[in-house]
Amino acid sequence: MRRTKFATIAVAGVAALGATGAALAQGVDSPPTSSAPSSEASGADTPPRELQGPRSAADEKVTAGRKAGKAKSENRRPAKGAAGKGQKPTGAKSKKNRTAAAERPVGSGGLPASAKTPAAAKAYAKRFMSKEYGWGPDQQRALVALWTRESDWDYRATNPSSGAYGIPQSLPGNKMAAAGKDWRSNPRPQIRWGLDYIKQTYGTPVGAWGFFQANNWY
């Protein structure tokens, strides 16, 4: 009877140990694992910005410095279409452009004194009549002779009797306003008007010079 009792206790103890071992093997005593990511991986240690509270002055200074650095970096980038290395500035004029500007009729701006001399006026007349009318050296010589007699190529020449004015001795002088509003002080509008007058009236400077020699006027 006593042996049976101890045997029963031993069997019960073994069974209990077996159940405990099985439970341990199955993880019964282990706490349930969570499928949520760890705080280190998910950044759970850093709360959202709205929950962090007011930022310190040092934090604001660092943020402002970063923004300023980014703005400087963007400002250093070349603008689209900007002139690259080796390109001329947009305001630079080539020799061709300067020549074209010199040939352009002057309406509102004046000419330097060096461009108003008789020699400069003759040079301009020769260029203009060659380009505009195709007149060559023989016509140029006739024009020089004609206007030398009329005004000596002085854009301020005034006939005291009739009031004729300028290099071509227009009568009245304000007719030359059709070639430029600064006709009083600029020899170039006077020359353009005078050449057009010769073309319309005599055909060529040779024709005008021939008429002048016969009549002492044209």
N, C-alpha and C. Protein backbone atom coordinates (compact mmCIF):
# COMPACT_ATOMS: atom_id res chain seq x y z
N MET A 1 0.84 -1.20 0.00
CA MET A 1 0.00 0.00 0.00
C MET A 1 0.87 1.24 0.00
N ARG A 2 1.90 1.39 0.80
CA ARG A 2 2.80 2.53 0.86
C ARG A 2 3.56 2.68 -0.44
N ARG A 3 4.03 1.52 -1.01
CA ARG A 3 4.77 1.60 -2.26
C ARG A 3 3.88 2.13 -3.37
N THR A 4 2.66 1.74 -3.38
CA THR A 4 1.75 2.20 -4.42
C THR A 4 1.52 3.70 -4.33
N LYS A 5 1.46 4.21 -3.10
CA LYS A 5 1.25 5.65 -2.89
C LYS A 5 2.42 6.45 -3.43
N PHE A 6 3.68 5.99 -3.10
CA PHE A 6 4.87 6.70 -3.61
C PHE A 6 4.97 6.61 -5.09
N ALA A 7 4.59 5.47 -5.62
CA ALA A 7 4.64 5.31 -7.08
C ALA A 7 3.69 6.28 -7.76
N THR A 8 2.51 6.42 -7.14
CA THR A 8 1.53 7.34 -7.71
C THR A 8 2.04 8.77 -7.69
N ILE A 9 2.69 9.15 -6.57
CA ILE A 9 3.23 10.51 -6.44
C ILE A 9 4.33 10.74 -7.46
N ALA A 10 5.18 9.72 -7.64
CA ALA A 10 6.28 9.86 -8.59
C ALA A 10 5.77 10.02 -10.01
N VAL A 11 4.78 9.22 -10.33
CA VAL A 11 4.19 9.32 -11.68
C VAL A 11 3.58 10.69 -11.89
N ALA A 12 2.88 11.16 -10.83
CA ALA A 12 2.27 12.49 -10.94
C ALA A 12 3.32 13.56 -11.10
N GLY A 13 4.47 13.42 -10.39
CA GLY A 13 5.54 14.41 -10.50
C GLY A 13 6.14 14.43 -11.89
N VAL A 14 6.34 13.21 -12.43
CA VAL A 14 6.90 13.13 -13.79
C VAL A 14 5.97 13.76 -14.79
N ALA A 15 4.68 13.48 -14.61
CA ALA A 15 3.69 14.06 -15.53
C ALA A 15 3.70 15.58 -15.46
N ALA A 16 3.83 16.11 -14.22
CA ALA A 16 3.85 17.57 -14.05
C ALA A 16 5.06 18.18 -14.71
N LEU A 17 6.21 17.50 -14.52
CA LEU A 17 7.43 18.00 -15.16
C LEU A 17 7.32 17.95 -16.67
N GLY A 18 6.68 16.88 -17.16
CA GLY A 18 6.51 16.76 -18.62
C GLY A 18 5.64 17.88 -19.16
N ALA A 19 4.57 18.18 -18.41
CA ALA A 19 3.68 19.27 -18.87
C ALA A 19 4.39 20.61 -18.85
N THR A 20 5.20 20.82 -17.81
CA THR A 20 5.94 22.09 -17.72
C THR A 20 6.93 22.21 -18.86
N GLY A 21 7.62 21.08 -19.14
CA GLY A 21 8.59 21.11 -20.25
C GLY A 21 7.90 21.37 -21.57
N ALA A 22 6.76 20.76 -21.77
CA ALA A 22 6.04 20.99 -23.02
C ALA A 22 5.61 22.43 -23.15
N ALA A 23 5.18 23.00 -22.02
CA ALA A 23 4.75 24.40 -22.05
C ALA A 23 5.92 25.31 -22.37
N LEU A 24 7.07 24.98 -21.79
CA LEU A 24 8.24 25.78 -22.07
C LEU A 24 8.64 25.65 -23.53
N ALA A 25 8.54 24.44 -24.06
CA ALA A 25 8.89 24.22 -25.47
C ALA A 25 7.97 24.98 -26.39
N GLN A 26 6.72 25.07 -26.03
CA GLN A 26 5.75 25.76 -26.88
C GLN A 26 5.74 27.26 -26.64
N GLY A 27 6.52 27.77 -25.70
CA GLY A 27 6.58 29.20 -25.42
C GLY A 27 5.42 29.69 -24.62
N VAL A 28 4.82 28.82 -23.83
CA VAL A 28 3.67 29.27 -23.06
C VAL A 28 4.07 30.33 -22.06
N ASP A 29 5.26 30.13 -21.43
CA ASP A 29 5.70 31.08 -20.43
C ASP A 29 6.28 32.35 -21.05
N SER A 30 6.56 32.35 -22.42
CA SER A 30 7.13 33.53 -23.07
C SER A 30 6.04 34.56 -23.34
N PRO A 31 6.34 35.82 -23.15
CA PRO A 31 5.31 36.87 -23.40
C PRO A 31 5.02 36.95 -24.87
N PRO A 32 3.82 37.28 -25.26
CA PRO A 32 3.44 37.39 -26.68
C PRO A 32 4.30 38.45 -27.36
N THR A 33 4.77 38.07 -28.54
CA THR A 33 5.60 39.00 -29.33
C THR A 33 4.71 39.96 -30.09
N SER A 34 5.23 41.16 -30.24
CA SER A 34 4.46 42.20 -30.95
C SER A 34 4.98 42.33 -32.36
N SER A 35 4.05 42.51 -33.29
CA SER A 35 4.42 42.69 -34.70
C SER A 35 4.82 44.12 -35.02
N ALA A 36 4.68 45.04 -34.05
CA ALA A 36 5.01 46.45 -34.29
C ALA A 36 6.50 46.60 -34.39
N PRO A 37 7.02 47.46 -35.23
CA PRO A 37 8.45 47.67 -35.35
C PRO A 37 9.03 48.29 -34.10
N SER A 38 10.30 48.02 -33.86
CA SER A 38 10.97 48.53 -32.67
C SER A 38 11.07 50.04 -32.77
N SER A 39 11.25 50.63 -31.58
CA SER A 39 11.34 52.08 -31.54
C SER A 39 12.57 52.56 -32.26
N GLU A 40 13.64 51.76 -32.27
CA GLU A 40 14.87 52.17 -32.93
C GLU A 40 14.68 52.19 -34.43
N ALA A 41 13.95 51.16 -34.99
CA ALA A 41 13.75 51.09 -36.43
C ALA A 41 12.73 52.10 -36.91
N SER A 42 11.69 52.33 -36.14
CA SER A 42 10.60 53.18 -36.60
C SER A 42 10.78 54.63 -36.23
N GLY A 43 11.82 54.89 -35.40
CA GLY A 43 12.00 56.28 -34.98
C GLY A 43 11.01 56.71 -33.94
N ALA A 44 10.51 55.72 -33.13
CA ALA A 44 9.50 56.04 -32.13
C ALA A 44 10.07 56.92 -31.03
N ASP A 45 11.45 56.92 -30.88
CA ASP A 45 12.03 57.76 -29.84
C ASP A 45 11.89 59.24 -30.17
N THR A 46 11.67 59.57 -31.48
CA THR A 46 11.54 60.98 -31.90
C THR A 46 10.06 61.28 -32.14
N PRO A 47 9.43 62.00 -31.28
CA PRO A 47 8.00 62.30 -31.45
C PRO A 47 7.78 63.21 -32.63
N PRO A 48 6.56 63.25 -33.17
CA PRO A 48 6.24 64.17 -34.28
C PRO A 48 6.56 65.61 -33.88
N ARG A 49 6.83 66.46 -34.94
CA ARG A 49 7.23 67.85 -34.69
C ARG A 49 6.21 68.59 -33.85
N GLU A 50 4.93 68.33 -34.08
CA GLU A 50 3.91 69.08 -33.34
C GLU A 50 3.89 68.72 -31.86
N LEU A 51 4.51 67.54 -31.49
CA LEU A 51 4.52 67.12 -30.09
C LEU A 51 5.85 67.43 -29.41
N GLN A 52 6.79 68.01 -30.13
CA GLN A 52 8.11 68.25 -29.56
C GLN A 52 8.18 69.50 -28.71
N GLY A 53 7.16 70.35 -28.77
CA GLY A 53 7.17 71.56 -27.98
C GLY A 53 7.91 72.68 -28.68
N PRO A 54 8.03 73.85 -28.11
CA PRO A 54 8.69 75.00 -28.75
C PRO A 54 10.17 74.74 -28.99
N ARG A 55 10.68 75.25 -30.15
CA ARG A 55 12.08 75.06 -30.50
C ARG A 55 12.92 76.12 -29.81
N SER A 56 14.14 75.76 -29.50
CA SER A 56 15.03 76.71 -28.84
C SER A 56 15.58 77.70 -29.86
N ALA A 57 16.16 78.78 -29.34
CA ALA A 57 16.76 79.78 -30.23
C ALA A 57 17.90 79.20 -31.02
N ALA A 58 18.63 78.27 -30.42
CA ALA A 58 19.76 77.63 -31.14
C ALA A 58 19.26 76.82 -32.32
N ASP A 59 18.14 76.08 -32.10
CA ASP A 59 17.57 75.30 -33.20
C ASP A 59 17.12 76.20 -34.33
N GLU A 60 16.47 77.31 -34.00
CA GLU A 60 16.00 78.23 -35.03
C GLU A 60 17.17 78.82 -35.81
N LYS A 61 18.28 79.10 -35.12
CA LYS A 61 19.46 79.68 -35.78
C LYS A 61 20.07 78.69 -36.76
N VAL A 62 20.12 77.41 -36.33
CA VAL A 62 20.66 76.37 -37.23
C VAL A 62 19.80 76.23 -38.47
N THR A 63 18.46 76.23 -38.30
CA THR A 63 17.54 76.12 -39.44
C THR A 63 17.68 77.31 -40.38
N ALA A 64 17.78 78.50 -39.82
CA ALA A 64 17.95 79.70 -40.65
C ALA A 64 19.25 79.64 -41.43
N GLY A 65 20.31 79.14 -40.79
CA GLY A 65 21.59 79.02 -41.48
C GLY A 65 21.52 78.06 -42.64
N ARG A 66 20.81 76.95 -42.46
CA ARG A 66 20.65 75.99 -43.56
C ARG A 66 19.90 76.61 -44.73
N LYS A 67 18.83 77.35 -44.44
CA LYS A 67 18.06 77.99 -45.51
C LYS A 67 18.89 79.03 -46.25
N ALA A 68 19.68 79.81 -45.51
CA ALA A 68 20.52 80.82 -46.15
C ALA A 68 21.57 80.19 -47.05
N GLY A 69 22.15 79.07 -46.57
CA GLY A 69 23.13 78.37 -47.41
C GLY A 69 22.53 77.83 -48.68
N LYS A 70 21.30 77.32 -48.60
CA LYS A 70 20.61 76.81 -49.79
C LYS A 70 20.32 77.93 -50.77
N ALA A 71 19.89 79.10 -50.24
CA ALA A 71 19.59 80.24 -51.12
C ALA A 71 20.85 80.72 -51.83
N LYS A 72 21.99 80.78 -51.13
CA LYS A 72 23.24 81.19 -51.77
C LYS A 72 23.65 80.24 -52.87
N SER A 73 23.47 78.93 -52.59
CA SER A 73 23.83 77.93 -53.59
C SER A 73 23.00 78.08 -54.86
N GLU A 74 21.69 78.38 -54.69
CA GLU A 74 20.82 78.56 -55.86
C GLU A 74 21.18 79.84 -56.62
N ASN A 75 21.58 80.89 -55.87
CA ASN A 75 21.93 82.15 -56.53
C ASN A 75 23.21 82.03 -57.35
N ARG A 76 24.09 81.11 -56.97
CA ARG A 76 25.34 80.94 -57.71
C ARG A 76 25.15 80.19 -59.00
N ARG A 77 24.00 79.54 -59.18
CA ARG A 77 23.76 78.82 -60.42
C ARG A 77 23.55 79.80 -61.56
N PRO A 78 24.18 79.57 -62.70
CA PRO A 78 24.01 80.49 -63.84
C PRO A 78 22.59 80.47 -64.34
N ALA A 79 22.06 81.64 -64.64
CA ALA A 79 20.68 81.73 -65.16
C ALA A 79 20.62 81.18 -66.57
N LYS A 80 19.45 80.65 -66.93
CA LYS A 80 19.26 80.10 -68.27
C LYS A 80 19.39 81.20 -69.31
N GLY A 81 20.23 80.92 -70.29
CA GLY A 81 20.44 81.90 -71.35
C GLY A 81 21.52 82.92 -71.03
N ALA A 82 22.17 82.80 -69.83
CA ALA A 82 23.23 83.76 -69.50
C ALA A 82 24.43 83.53 -70.37
N ALA A 83 25.20 84.60 -70.57
CA ALA A 83 26.37 84.50 -71.44
C ALA A 83 27.40 83.59 -70.81
N GLY A 84 27.92 82.67 -71.53
CA GLY A 84 28.91 81.74 -71.05
C GLY A 84 30.30 82.31 -71.15
N LYS A 85 31.26 81.51 -70.74
CA LYS A 85 32.65 81.94 -70.77
C LYS A 85 33.09 82.23 -72.19
N GLY A 86 33.73 83.34 -72.35
CA GLY A 86 34.24 83.67 -73.67
C GLY A 86 33.26 84.45 -74.53
N GLN A 87 31.98 84.59 -74.10
CA GLN A 87 31.01 85.33 -74.89
C GLN A 87 31.12 86.82 -74.57
N LYS A 88 30.83 87.64 -75.56
CA LYS A 88 30.88 89.09 -75.38
C LYS A 88 29.65 89.54 -74.60
N PRO A 89 29.79 90.54 -73.75
CA PRO A 89 28.61 91.12 -73.08
C PRO A 89 27.61 91.61 -74.10
N THR A 90 26.33 91.55 -73.70
CA THR A 90 25.28 91.92 -74.65
C THR A 90 25.38 93.38 -75.06
N GLY A 91 25.98 94.24 -74.20
CA GLY A 91 26.06 95.64 -74.55
C GLY A 91 27.22 95.97 -75.47
N ALA A 92 28.13 95.01 -75.72
CA ALA A 92 29.28 95.31 -76.58
C ALA A 92 28.85 95.43 -78.03
N LYS A 93 29.41 96.43 -78.74
CA LYS A 93 29.09 96.63 -80.15
C LYS A 93 30.25 96.18 -81.00
N SER A 94 29.95 95.46 -82.03
CA SER A 94 30.98 95.07 -82.98
C SER A 94 31.31 96.25 -83.87
N LYS A 95 32.39 96.11 -84.63
CA LYS A 95 32.78 97.18 -85.55
C LYS A 95 31.69 97.44 -86.57
N LYS A 96 31.02 96.34 -87.02
CA LYS A 96 29.95 96.48 -88.00
C LYS A 96 28.79 97.28 -87.42
N ASN A 97 28.44 97.01 -86.14
CA ASN A 97 27.33 97.73 -85.52
C ASN A 97 27.67 99.20 -85.34
N ARG A 98 28.93 99.49 -84.99
CA ARG A 98 29.31 100.89 -84.82
C ARG A 98 29.25 101.65 -86.14
N THR A 99 29.64 100.94 -87.22
CA THR A 99 29.57 101.58 -88.53
C THR A 99 28.13 101.85 -88.92
N ALA A 100 27.24 100.86 -88.65
CA ALA A 100 25.82 101.04 -88.97
C ALA A 100 25.23 102.18 -88.18
N ALA A 101 25.65 102.31 -86.92
CA ALA A 101 25.14 103.41 -86.10
C ALA A 101 25.60 104.76 -86.65
N ALA A 102 26.82 104.77 -87.17
CA ALA A 102 27.32 106.02 -87.73
C ALA A 102 26.58 106.41 -89.00
N GLU A 103 26.11 105.40 -89.76
CA GLU A 103 25.40 105.69 -91.01
C GLU A 103 23.92 105.97 -90.78
N ARG A 104 23.41 105.64 -89.60
CA ARG A 104 21.98 105.78 -89.34
C ARG A 104 21.60 107.26 -89.32
N PRO A 105 20.48 107.63 -89.96
CA PRO A 105 20.05 109.03 -89.93
C PRO A 105 19.87 109.52 -88.50
N VAL A 106 20.33 110.72 -88.24
CA VAL A 106 20.25 111.28 -86.90
C VAL A 106 18.99 112.12 -86.81
N GLY A 107 18.11 111.76 -85.88
CA GLY A 107 16.86 112.49 -85.75
C GLY A 107 16.81 113.30 -84.48
N SER A 108 17.06 112.64 -83.34
CA SER A 108 16.93 113.31 -82.06
C SER A 108 18.28 113.66 -81.45
N GLY A 109 19.29 112.83 -81.72
CA GLY A 109 20.59 113.09 -81.13
C GLY A 109 21.46 113.90 -82.07
N GLY A 110 22.42 114.64 -81.50
CA GLY A 110 23.30 115.44 -82.32
C GLY A 110 24.53 114.67 -82.76
N LEU A 111 25.32 115.29 -83.62
CA LEU A 111 26.57 114.71 -84.08
C LEU A 111 27.73 115.41 -83.38
N PRO A 112 28.85 114.73 -83.21
CA PRO A 112 30.03 115.42 -82.68
C PRO A 112 30.53 116.44 -83.70
N ALA A 113 31.30 117.38 -83.22
CA ALA A 113 31.78 118.46 -84.09
C ALA A 113 32.63 117.91 -85.24
N SER A 114 33.34 116.80 -84.97
CA SER A 114 34.21 116.24 -86.01
C SER A 114 33.41 115.69 -87.19
N ALA A 115 32.13 115.37 -86.97
CA ALA A 115 31.29 114.84 -88.05
C ALA A 115 30.55 115.94 -88.79
N LYS A 116 30.78 117.19 -88.40
CA LYS A 116 30.08 118.30 -89.03
C LYS A 116 31.00 119.16 -89.91
N THR A 117 32.25 118.79 -90.00
CA THR A 117 33.18 119.56 -90.81
C THR A 117 32.87 119.37 -92.30
N PRO A 118 33.32 120.29 -93.16
CA PRO A 118 33.11 120.11 -94.60
C PRO A 118 33.68 118.78 -95.12
N ALA A 119 34.86 118.38 -94.62
CA ALA A 119 35.45 117.12 -95.07
C ALA A 119 34.57 115.94 -94.69
N ALA A 120 34.04 115.94 -93.45
CA ALA A 120 33.17 114.85 -93.00
C ALA A 120 31.86 114.85 -93.78
N ALA A 121 31.33 116.02 -94.08
CA ALA A 121 30.09 116.12 -94.86
C ALA A 121 30.28 115.57 -96.27
N LYS A 122 31.42 115.87 -96.91
CA LYS A 122 31.70 115.35 -98.25
C LYS A 122 31.82 113.82 -98.22
N ALA A 123 32.50 113.31 -97.20
CA ALA A 123 32.67 111.86 -97.10
C ALA A 123 31.32 111.17 -96.92
N TYR A 124 30.45 111.76 -96.09
CA TYR A 124 29.12 111.18 -95.89
C TYR A 124 28.30 111.22 -97.18
N ALA A 125 28.37 112.35 -97.90
CA ALA A 125 27.62 112.49 -99.15
C ALA A 125 28.06 111.44 -100.18
N LYS A 126 29.35 111.21 -100.28
CA LYS A 126 29.86 110.22 -101.23
C LYS A 126 29.38 108.82 -100.88
N ARG A 127 29.40 108.47 -99.60
CA ARG A 127 28.93 107.14 -99.18
C ARG A 127 27.44 106.99 -99.45
N PHE A 128 26.69 108.02 -99.09
CA PHE A 128 25.24 107.92 -99.21
C PHE A 128 24.80 107.86 -100.67
N MET A 129 25.35 108.71 -101.53
CA MET A 129 24.93 108.73 -102.93
C MET A 129 25.34 107.46 -103.65
N SER A 130 26.46 106.86 -103.24
CA SER A 130 26.88 105.60 -103.85
C SER A 130 25.96 104.46 -103.43
N LYS A 131 25.61 104.43 -102.16
CA LYS A 131 24.75 103.36 -101.65
C LYS A 131 23.30 103.53 -102.08
N GLU A 132 22.79 104.75 -102.03
CA GLU A 132 21.37 105.00 -102.28
C GLU A 132 21.04 105.12 -103.77
N TYR A 133 21.95 105.70 -104.54
CA TYR A 133 21.64 105.97 -105.95
C TYR A 133 22.58 105.28 -106.93
N GLY A 134 23.65 104.71 -106.42
CA GLY A 134 24.60 104.04 -107.29
C GLY A 134 25.45 105.00 -108.10
N TRP A 135 25.61 106.23 -107.64
CA TRP A 135 26.39 107.23 -108.36
C TRP A 135 27.87 107.07 -108.04
N GLY A 136 28.68 107.08 -109.07
CA GLY A 136 30.10 106.86 -108.94
C GLY A 136 30.92 108.14 -108.82
N PRO A 137 32.23 108.03 -109.04
CA PRO A 137 33.14 109.16 -108.85
C PRO A 137 32.81 110.39 -109.69
N ASP A 138 32.36 110.22 -110.95
CA ASP A 138 32.07 111.38 -111.78
C ASP A 138 30.92 112.20 -111.20
N GLN A 139 29.91 111.52 -110.68
CA GLN A 139 28.78 112.21 -110.05
C GLN A 139 29.22 112.85 -108.73
N GLN A 140 30.09 112.18 -108.03
CA GLN A 140 30.57 112.72 -106.76
C GLN A 140 31.38 114.01 -106.98
N ARG A 141 32.21 114.02 -108.02
CA ARG A 141 32.98 115.23 -108.31
C ARG A 141 32.07 116.40 -108.69
N ALA A 142 31.02 116.10 -109.46
CA ALA A 142 30.07 117.16 -109.84
C ALA A 142 29.35 117.71 -108.61
N LEU A 143 28.99 116.83 -107.68
CA LEU A 143 28.30 117.28 -106.46
C LEU A 143 29.22 118.14 -105.60
N VAL A 144 30.46 117.71 -105.47
CA VAL A 144 31.41 118.48 -104.66
C VAL A 144 31.58 119.88 -105.25
N ALA A 145 31.70 119.97 -106.58
CA ALA A 145 31.85 121.28 -107.23
C ALA A 145 30.61 122.14 -107.04
N LEU A 146 29.44 121.54 -107.18
CA LEU A 146 28.18 122.28 -107.05
C LEU A 146 27.99 122.86 -105.66
N TRP A 147 28.13 122.05 -104.65
CA TRP A 147 27.87 122.53 -103.29
C TRP A 147 29.03 123.34 -102.71
N THR A 148 30.19 123.20 -103.31
CA THR A 148 31.28 124.10 -102.92
C THR A 148 30.94 125.53 -103.34
N ARG A 149 30.37 125.67 -104.52
CA ARG A 149 29.94 127.00 -104.99
C ARG A 149 28.76 127.54 -104.19
N GLU A 150 27.87 126.65 -103.81
CA GLU A 150 26.66 127.09 -103.10
C GLU A 150 26.94 127.46 -101.64
N SER A 151 27.69 126.64 -100.93
CA SER A 151 27.81 126.84 -99.47
C SER A 151 29.20 126.55 -98.91
N ASP A 152 30.08 126.07 -99.77
CA ASP A 152 31.40 125.62 -99.31
C ASP A 152 31.26 124.50 -98.28
N TRP A 153 30.18 123.75 -98.39
CA TRP A 153 29.89 122.59 -97.54
C TRP A 153 29.76 122.97 -96.06
N ASP A 154 29.26 124.16 -95.81
CA ASP A 154 29.02 124.61 -94.44
C ASP A 154 27.53 124.44 -94.14
N TYR A 155 27.22 123.62 -93.16
CA TYR A 155 25.80 123.33 -92.85
C TYR A 155 25.09 124.54 -92.26
N ARG A 156 25.83 125.57 -91.86
CA ARG A 156 25.20 126.77 -91.30
C ARG A 156 25.13 127.92 -92.30
N ALA A 157 25.56 127.66 -93.53
CA ALA A 157 25.60 128.74 -94.55
C ALA A 157 24.21 129.30 -94.80
N THR A 158 24.11 130.63 -94.80
CA THR A 158 22.83 131.29 -95.01
C THR A 158 23.00 132.40 -96.05
N ASN A 159 22.13 132.39 -97.05
CA ASN A 159 22.16 133.45 -98.06
C ASN A 159 21.48 134.69 -97.47
N PRO A 160 22.19 135.79 -97.31
CA PRO A 160 21.60 136.98 -96.68
C PRO A 160 20.48 137.62 -97.49
N SER A 161 20.45 137.36 -98.79
CA SER A 161 19.41 137.97 -99.63
C SER A 161 18.14 137.14 -99.68
N SER A 162 18.29 135.85 -99.96
CA SER A 162 17.11 135.00 -100.15
C SER A 162 16.73 134.20 -98.90
N GLY A 163 17.70 134.00 -98.00
CA GLY A 163 17.42 133.19 -96.83
C GLY A 163 17.66 131.71 -97.05
N ALA A 164 18.17 131.32 -98.23
CA ALA A 164 18.48 129.91 -98.48
C ALA A 164 19.47 129.42 -97.43
N TYR A 165 19.32 128.15 -97.03
CA TYR A 165 20.07 127.68 -95.86
C TYR A 165 20.71 126.32 -96.13
N GLY A 166 21.87 126.13 -95.49
CA GLY A 166 22.51 124.83 -95.46
C GLY A 166 23.40 124.53 -96.64
N ILE A 167 23.92 123.29 -96.62
CA ILE A 167 24.85 122.86 -97.67
C ILE A 167 24.23 122.92 -99.06
N PRO A 168 22.98 122.44 -99.24
CA PRO A 168 22.39 122.50 -100.59
C PRO A 168 21.68 123.82 -100.88
N GLN A 169 21.69 124.73 -99.90
CA GLN A 169 21.01 126.03 -100.03
C GLN A 169 19.52 125.86 -100.37
N SER A 170 18.85 125.14 -99.45
CA SER A 170 17.41 124.95 -99.59
C SER A 170 16.68 126.26 -99.35
N LEU A 171 15.64 126.50 -100.17
CA LEU A 171 14.86 127.74 -100.05
C LEU A 171 13.37 127.40 -100.05
N PRO A 172 12.66 127.56 -98.94
CA PRO A 172 13.20 127.93 -97.63
C PRO A 172 13.91 126.74 -96.96
N GLY A 173 14.64 127.01 -95.91
CA GLY A 173 15.43 125.97 -95.25
C GLY A 173 14.61 124.87 -94.61
N ASN A 174 13.38 125.22 -94.16
CA ASN A 174 12.60 124.21 -93.45
C ASN A 174 12.09 123.08 -94.34
N LYS A 175 12.31 123.18 -95.65
CA LYS A 175 11.98 122.03 -96.51
C LYS A 175 12.77 120.79 -96.08
N MET A 176 13.97 121.03 -95.55
CA MET A 176 14.84 119.91 -95.19
C MET A 176 14.37 119.16 -93.95
N ALA A 177 13.34 119.68 -93.29
CA ALA A 177 12.79 118.96 -92.13
C ALA A 177 12.23 117.61 -92.54
N ALA A 178 11.92 117.44 -93.82
CA ALA A 178 11.43 116.15 -94.29
C ALA A 178 12.48 115.06 -94.16
N ALA A 179 13.76 115.47 -94.09
CA ALA A 179 14.85 114.48 -93.97
C ALA A 179 15.36 114.36 -92.55
N GLY A 180 14.91 115.22 -91.65
CA GLY A 180 15.35 115.14 -90.26
C GLY A 180 15.00 116.41 -89.51
N LYS A 181 14.48 116.24 -88.30
CA LYS A 181 14.02 117.43 -87.58
C LYS A 181 15.17 118.29 -87.07
N ASP A 182 16.40 117.74 -87.08
CA ASP A 182 17.55 118.53 -86.65
C ASP A 182 18.30 119.10 -87.85
N TRP A 183 17.58 119.44 -88.90
CA TRP A 183 18.18 119.90 -90.15
C TRP A 183 19.01 121.18 -89.98
N ARG A 184 18.71 121.99 -88.99
CA ARG A 184 19.46 123.22 -88.80
C ARG A 184 20.89 122.96 -88.32
N SER A 185 21.07 121.93 -87.50
CA SER A 185 22.37 121.70 -86.86
C SER A 185 23.07 120.42 -87.30
N ASN A 186 22.47 119.72 -88.26
CA ASN A 186 23.03 118.43 -88.68
C ASN A 186 23.21 118.43 -90.21
N PRO A 187 24.42 118.27 -90.69
CA PRO A 187 24.61 118.29 -92.15
C PRO A 187 24.01 117.09 -92.87
N ARG A 188 23.80 116.00 -92.17
CA ARG A 188 23.36 114.79 -92.85
C ARG A 188 21.93 114.87 -93.40
N PRO A 189 20.95 115.35 -92.63
CA PRO A 189 19.63 115.54 -93.24
C PRO A 189 19.68 116.51 -94.42
N GLN A 190 20.52 117.53 -94.34
CA GLN A 190 20.65 118.48 -95.45
C GLN A 190 21.15 117.77 -96.71
N ILE A 191 22.15 116.90 -96.53
CA ILE A 191 22.71 116.18 -97.68
C ILE A 191 21.69 115.22 -98.27
N ARG A 192 20.98 114.50 -97.44
CA ARG A 192 19.97 113.56 -97.95
C ARG A 192 18.87 114.30 -98.71
N TRP A 193 18.43 115.41 -98.14
CA TRP A 193 17.38 116.18 -98.82
C TRP A 193 17.91 116.74 -100.14
N GLY A 194 19.13 117.29 -100.13
CA GLY A 194 19.70 117.88 -101.34
C GLY A 194 19.89 116.87 -102.45
N LEU A 195 20.33 115.65 -102.12
CA LEU A 195 20.51 114.61 -103.14
C LEU A 195 19.16 114.19 -103.73
N ASP A 196 18.14 114.11 -102.87
CA ASP A 196 16.81 113.76 -103.37
C ASP A 196 16.29 114.85 -104.30
N TYR A 197 16.52 116.11 -103.94
CA TYR A 197 16.11 117.23 -104.78
C TYR A 197 16.80 117.17 -106.15
N ILE A 198 18.08 116.89 -106.16
CA ILE A 198 18.82 116.78 -107.43
C ILE A 198 18.29 115.63 -108.27
N LYS A 199 18.02 114.51 -107.61
CA LYS A 199 17.49 113.35 -108.34
C LYS A 199 16.15 113.68 -108.97
N GLN A 200 15.26 114.30 -108.23
CA GLN A 200 13.93 114.59 -108.72
C GLN A 200 13.92 115.70 -109.79
N THR A 201 14.85 116.65 -109.69
CA THR A 201 14.82 117.83 -110.56
C THR A 201 15.75 117.71 -111.78
N TYR A 202 16.94 117.17 -111.58
CA TYR A 202 17.93 117.15 -112.66
C TYR A 202 18.40 115.74 -113.04
N GLY A 203 17.98 114.77 -112.28
CA GLY A 203 18.35 113.39 -112.59
C GLY A 203 19.65 112.95 -111.96
N THR A 204 20.69 113.78 -112.08
CA THR A 204 22.01 113.43 -111.53
C THR A 204 22.72 114.72 -111.09
N PRO A 205 23.76 114.56 -110.26
CA PRO A 205 24.57 115.73 -109.90
C PRO A 205 25.25 116.37 -111.12
N VAL A 206 25.64 115.57 -112.12
CA VAL A 206 26.23 116.13 -113.33
C VAL A 206 25.24 117.06 -114.03
N GLY A 207 23.97 116.64 -114.09
CA GLY A 207 22.93 117.47 -114.69
C GLY A 207 22.71 118.75 -113.90
N ALA A 208 22.72 118.65 -112.57
CA ALA A 208 22.51 119.83 -111.74
C ALA A 208 23.69 120.79 -111.86
N TRP A 209 24.90 120.25 -111.93
CA TRP A 209 26.09 121.09 -112.06
C TRP A 209 26.13 121.81 -113.41
N GLY A 210 25.72 121.12 -114.44
CA GLY A 210 25.64 121.75 -115.76
C GLY A 210 24.65 122.89 -115.77
N PHE A 211 23.49 122.72 -115.14
CA PHE A 211 22.49 123.78 -115.07
C PHE A 211 23.02 124.96 -114.27
N PHE A 212 23.69 124.70 -113.20
CA PHE A 212 24.22 125.77 -112.36
C PHE A 212 25.25 126.59 -113.13
N GLN A 213 26.11 125.94 -113.87
CA GLN A 213 27.14 126.67 -114.62
C GLN A 213 26.52 127.61 -115.66
N ALA A 214 25.36 127.22 -116.18
CA ALA A 214 24.70 128.05 -117.18
C ALA A 214 23.85 129.15 -116.57
N ASN A 215 23.35 128.93 -115.34
CA ASN A 215 22.39 129.88 -114.76
C ASN A 215 22.81 130.48 -113.42
N ASN A 216 23.84 129.96 -112.86
CA ASN A 216 24.35 130.41 -111.57
C ASN A 216 23.39 130.14 -110.41
N TRP A 217 22.53 129.24 -110.62
CA TRP A 217 21.63 128.73 -109.57
C TRP A 217 21.14 127.36 -110.04
N TYR A 218 20.51 126.61 -109.14
CA TYR A 218 19.95 125.31 -109.55
C TYR A 218 18.69 125.02 -108.78
